[in-house]
């Protein structure tokens, strides 16, 4: 039996093809520049510098994932839970970590997937 599902449609943007709000509207101006994407009010030189910083940070993060492979890693998770495991790999979107020998307060799991959204912090010895 099929059930009807409601669909939420966002309003059309000022140009008719995009979704969003007119920059001159009172609602848009009330949000202020702090809640808007950084692209809206910056000149190209600042944007390029910001992009270079993002590239450097992304590269450092990916190199840290590579360095963690096969190493024991301590994970701090929500509800004050600390677990230790040997890092295996990450999926392409870095949404999950594959670990082995996961030591939890309830015991040891031979293999496990940790959702990155459940992890507050992690550390390892390089």
Foldseek 3Di string as FASTA:
>chain_A
DDDDDDDDDADAEPVRPHGDYDCPDPVNPVVPPVPDPPVPPDDPVVVVVVVVVVVVVVVVVVVVQVVQAQFKKWFQFPPRWIKIFRWHHADPVRQKTWTAQIQGPVGTDGIDIDGPVGTPDMDGDD
